[in-house]
Amino acid sequence: MLEKVSLFCVGALGYGGLELLYRGHTHWTMLLAGGICMLCLYALNQRLSGWPLLMRCAAGAALITTVEFSFGLVFNRWLHLAVWDYSACWGNLLGQICPFYSFLWFLLCIPLFFCFSYAQKAPHPHRHPLF
């Protein structure tokens, strides 16, 4: 459980931090989205461990884009919080997602999956090496 809480917190703070660097502000919903994405990406990397890195990154980008679209529908379209608007971006879908940001999520998955793979192969500090 501690591992999952830690991953969620790292994802929340990481996503929020990226937004602060890129846009100069963030919203609490992005912290929630970042935490959810991190947990899902970690599980995805475990499940697809035999896949080539670029295929895992494509799956990761699709996952993040799906979370972003879902959050956008709820928080931007339904609740009218105006957290973001990609309607000026080429290829956008309802102003919530677009190919450019999906590509950025793909690139973000590269270092994440390297870190995940390393962490998943490292011995667990609370387990006896024989078990």
C-alpha atoms as a PDB file:
ATOM      1  CA  MET A   1       0.000   0.000   0.000  1.00  0.00           C
ATOM      2  CA  LEU A   2       2.862   2.371   0.814  1.00  0.00           C
ATOM      3  CA  GLU A   3       4.262   1.808  -2.680  1.00  0.00           C
ATOM      4  CA  LYS A   4       0.940   2.797  -4.270  1.00  0.00           C
ATOM      5  CA  VAL A   5       0.525   5.869  -2.090  1.00  0.00           C
ATOM      6  CA  SER A   6       4.103   6.893  -2.889  1.00  0.00           C
ATOM      7  CA  LEU A   7       3.562   6.425  -6.617  1.00  0.00           C
ATOM      8  CA  PHE A   8       0.341   8.435  -6.464  1.00  0.00           C
ATOM      9  CA  CYS A   9       2.069  11.290  -4.618  1.00  0.00           C
ATOM     10  CA  VAL A  10       5.032  11.337  -7.009  1.00  0.00           C
ATOM     11  CA  GLY A  11       2.656  11.383  -9.980  1.00  0.00           C
ATOM     12  CA  ALA A  12       0.509  14.126  -8.468  1.00  0.00           C
ATOM     13  CA  LEU A  13       3.465  16.330  -7.586  1.00  0.00           C
ATOM     14  CA  GLY A  14       5.252  15.557 -10.850  1.00  0.00           C
ATOM     15  CA  TYR A  15       2.261  16.408 -13.019  1.00  0.00           C
ATOM     16  CA  GLY A  16       1.535  19.529 -11.015  1.00  0.00           C
ATOM     17  CA  GLY A  17       5.185  20.523 -11.186  1.00  0.00           C
ATOM     18  CA  LEU A  18       5.308  20.078 -14.950  1.00  0.00           C
ATOM     19  CA  GLU A  19       2.244  22.276 -15.309  1.00  0.00           C
ATOM     20  CA  LEU A  20       3.741  24.938 -13.075  1.00  0.00           C
ATOM     21  CA  LEU A  21       6.907  24.952 -15.195  1.00  0.00           C
ATOM     22  CA  TYR A  22       5.051  24.906 -18.524  1.00  0.00           C
ATOM     23  CA  ARG A  23       1.978  27.071 -17.840  1.00  0.00           C
ATOM     24  CA  GLY A  24       2.856  28.855 -14.619  1.00  0.00           C
ATOM     25  CA  HIS A  25      -0.169  27.442 -12.794  1.00  0.00           C
ATOM     26  CA  THR A  26      -2.016  24.196 -12.157  1.00  0.00           C
ATOM     27  CA  HIS A  27      -5.314  22.999 -10.715  1.00  0.00           C
ATOM     28  CA  TRP A  28      -6.014  20.438  -7.986  1.00  0.00           C
ATOM     29  CA  THR A  29      -7.679  18.164 -10.543  1.00  0.00           C
ATOM     30  CA  MET A  30      -4.345  17.845 -12.349  1.00  0.00           C
ATOM     31  CA  LEU A  31      -2.754  16.520  -9.179  1.00  0.00           C
ATOM     32  CA  LEU A  32      -5.447  13.853  -9.052  1.00  0.00           C
ATOM     33  CA  ALA A  33      -4.965  13.052 -12.750  1.00  0.00           C
ATOM     34  CA  GLY A  34      -1.189  12.844 -12.307  1.00  0.00           C
ATOM     35  CA  GLY A  35      -1.482  10.439  -9.391  1.00  0.00           C
ATOM     36  CA  ILE A  36      -3.912   8.214 -11.258  1.00  0.00           C
ATOM     37  CA  CYS A  37      -1.713   8.245 -14.353  1.00  0.00           C
ATOM     38  CA  MET A  38       1.378   7.291 -12.371  1.00  0.00           C
ATOM     39  CA  LEU A  39      -0.366   4.315 -10.751  1.00  0.00           C
ATOM     40  CA  CYS A  40      -1.749   3.155 -14.087  1.00  0.00           C
ATOM     41  CA  LEU A  41       1.574   3.617 -15.899  1.00  0.00           C
ATOM     42  CA  TYR A  42       3.397   1.604 -13.250  1.00  0.00           C
ATOM     43  CA  ALA A  43       0.889  -1.248 -13.617  1.00  0.00           C
ATOM     44  CA  LEU A  44       1.047  -0.961 -17.419  1.00  0.00           C
ATOM     45  CA  ASN A  45       4.825  -1.258 -17.382  1.00  0.00           C
ATOM     46  CA  GLN A  46       4.583  -4.409 -15.255  1.00  0.00           C
ATOM     47  CA  ARG A  47       1.937  -5.958 -17.477  1.00  0.00           C
ATOM     48  CA  LEU A  48       3.740  -5.116 -20.737  1.00  0.00           C
ATOM     49  CA  SER A  49       7.271  -5.757 -19.468  1.00  0.00           C
ATOM     50  CA  GLY A  50       8.098  -7.972 -22.442  1.00  0.00           C
ATOM     51  CA  TRP A  51       7.115  -5.317 -24.977  1.00  0.00           C
ATOM     52  CA  PRO A  52       9.660  -3.011 -26.644  1.00  0.00           C
ATOM     53  CA  LEU A  53      10.049   0.352 -24.915  1.00  0.00           C
ATOM     54  CA  LEU A  54       8.486   2.366 -27.741  1.00  0.00           C
ATOM     55  CA  MET A  55       5.384   0.154 -27.753  1.00  0.00           C
ATOM     56  CA  ARG A  56       5.029   0.592 -23.985  1.00  0.00           C
ATOM     57  CA  CYS A  57       5.414   4.347 -24.455  1.00  0.00           C
ATOM     58  CA  ALA A  58       2.680   4.365 -27.098  1.00  0.00           C
ATOM     59  CA  ALA A  59       0.399   2.465 -24.721  1.00  0.00           C
ATOM     60  CA  GLY A  60       1.360   4.858 -21.921  1.00  0.00           C
ATOM     61  CA  ALA A  61       0.599   7.899 -24.054  1.00  0.00           C
ATOM     62  CA  ALA A  62      -2.792   6.412 -24.936  1.00  0.00           C
ATOM     63  CA  LEU A  63      -3.465   5.798 -21.247  1.00  0.00           C
ATOM     64  CA  ILE A  64      -2.542   9.352 -20.214  1.00  0.00           C
ATOM     65  CA  THR A  65      -4.539  10.795 -23.110  1.00  0.00           C
ATOM     66  CA  THR A  66      -7.565   8.741 -22.024  1.00  0.00           C
ATOM     67  CA  VAL A  67      -7.268  10.013 -18.442  1.00  0.00           C
ATOM     68  CA  GLU A  68      -6.845  13.567 -19.714  1.00  0.00           C
ATOM     69  CA  PHE A  69      -9.897  13.237 -21.970  1.00  0.00           C
ATOM     70  CA  SER A  70     -11.998  11.771 -19.149  1.00  0.00           C
ATOM     71  CA  PHE A  71     -10.947  14.508 -16.730  1.00  0.00           C
ATOM     72  CA  GLY A  72     -11.557  17.122 -19.403  1.00  0.00           C
ATOM     73  CA  LEU A  73     -15.075  15.893 -20.045  1.00  0.00           C
ATOM     74  CA  VAL A  74     -15.907  15.935 -16.344  1.00  0.00           C
ATOM     75  CA  PHE A  75     -14.095  19.041 -15.103  1.00  0.00           C
ATOM     76  CA  ASN A  76     -14.027  21.243 -18.217  1.00  0.00           C
ATOM     77  CA  ARG A  77     -17.178  20.332 -20.116  1.00  0.00           C
ATOM     78  CA  TRP A  78     -19.560  19.101 -17.425  1.00  0.00           C
ATOM     79  CA  LEU A  79     -18.506  21.130 -14.364  1.00  0.00           C
ATOM     80  CA  HIS A  80     -17.244  24.144 -16.424  1.00  0.00           C
ATOM     81  CA  LEU A  81     -14.074  24.600 -14.359  1.00  0.00           C
ATOM     82  CA  ALA A  82     -12.052  25.660 -17.447  1.00  0.00           C
ATOM     83  CA  VAL A  83      -8.893  23.882 -16.309  1.00  0.00           C
ATOM     84  CA  TRP A  84      -7.507  23.762 -19.878  1.00  0.00           C
ATOM     85  CA  ASP A  85      -8.665  24.248 -23.447  1.00  0.00           C
ATOM     86  CA  TYR A  86      -6.926  22.706 -26.432  1.00  0.00           C
ATOM     87  CA  SER A  87      -9.545  23.873 -28.941  1.00  0.00           C
ATOM     88  CA  ALA A  88      -6.942  26.050 -30.714  1.00  0.00           C
ATOM     89  CA  CYS A  89      -4.619  23.042 -31.162  1.00  0.00           C
ATOM     90  CA  TRP A  90      -4.561  21.042 -34.377  1.00  0.00           C
ATOM     91  CA  GLY A  91      -6.472  17.745 -34.275  1.00  0.00           C
ATOM     92  CA  ASN A  92      -8.122  18.425 -30.920  1.00  0.00           C
ATOM     93  CA  LEU A  93     -11.114  16.420 -29.725  1.00  0.00           C
ATOM     94  CA  LEU A  94     -13.689  18.639 -28.022  1.00  0.00           C
ATOM     95  CA  GLY A  95     -10.835  20.882 -26.886  1.00  0.00           C
ATOM     96  CA  GLN A  96      -9.761  18.292 -24.304  1.00  0.00           C
ATOM     97  CA  ILE A  97      -6.985  16.327 -26.035  1.00  0.00           C
ATOM     98  CA  CYS A  98      -4.802  16.791 -29.092  1.00  0.00           C
ATOM     99  CA  PRO A  99      -2.013  14.926 -30.904  1.00  0.00           C
ATOM    100  CA  PHE A 100       0.711  17.348 -29.743  1.00  0.00           C
ATOM    101  CA  TYR A 101       0.136  16.635 -26.059  1.00  0.00           C
ATOM    102  CA  SER A 102      -0.266  12.923 -26.704  1.00  0.00           C
ATOM    103  CA  PHE A 103       3.184  13.043 -28.291  1.00  0.00           C
ATOM    104  CA  LEU A 104       4.544  14.821 -25.209  1.00  0.00           C
ATOM    105  CA  TRP A 105       3.033  12.063 -23.019  1.00  0.00           C
ATOM    106  CA  PHE A 106       4.797   9.519 -25.236  1.00  0.00           C
ATOM    107  CA  LEU A 107       8.128  11.266 -24.615  1.00  0.00           C
ATOM    108  CA  LEU A 108       7.432  11.498 -20.884  1.00  0.00           C
ATOM    109  CA  CYS A 109       6.883   7.734 -20.745  1.00  0.00           C
ATOM    110  CA  ILE A 110      10.450   7.018 -21.895  1.00  0.00           C
ATOM    111  CA  PRO A 111      12.218   8.078 -18.672  1.00  0.00           C
ATOM    112  CA  LEU A 112       9.289   6.906 -16.534  1.00  0.00           C
ATOM    113  CA  PHE A 113       9.407   3.375 -17.944  1.00  0.00           C
ATOM    114  CA  PHE A 114      13.188   3.232 -17.543  1.00  0.00           C
ATOM    115  CA  CYS A 115      12.779   4.177 -13.882  1.00  0.00           C
ATOM    116  CA  PHE A 116       9.892   1.753 -13.389  1.00  0.00           C
ATOM    117  CA  SER A 117      11.806  -1.121 -14.975  1.00  0.00           C
ATOM    118  CA  TYR A 118      14.780  -0.449 -12.742  1.00  0.00           C
ATOM    119  CA  ALA A 119      12.599  -0.209  -9.625  1.00  0.00           C
ATOM    120  CA  GLN A 120      10.665  -3.366 -10.482  1.00  0.00           C
ATOM    121  CA  LYS A 121      13.893  -5.380 -10.900  1.00  0.00           C
ATOM    122  CA  ALA A 122      15.547  -4.054  -7.743  1.00  0.00           C
ATOM    123  CA  PRO A 123      15.260  -6.291  -4.698  1.00  0.00           C
ATOM    124  CA  HIS A 124      12.524  -5.252  -2.315  1.00  0.00           C
ATOM    125  CA  PRO A 125      14.098  -3.932   0.908  1.00  0.00           C
ATOM    126  CA  HIS A 126      11.552  -5.634   3.170  1.00  0.00           C
ATOM    127  CA  ARG A 127      11.758  -9.089   1.667  1.00  0.00           C
ATOM    128  CA  HIS A 128      14.259 -11.764   2.493  1.00  0.00           C
ATOM    129  CA  PRO A 129      16.391 -12.552  -0.599  1.00  0.00           C
ATOM    130  CA  LEU A 130      15.362 -16.238  -0.492  1.00  0.00           C
ATOM    131  CA  PHE A 131      11.632 -15.512  -0.597  1.00  0.00           C
END
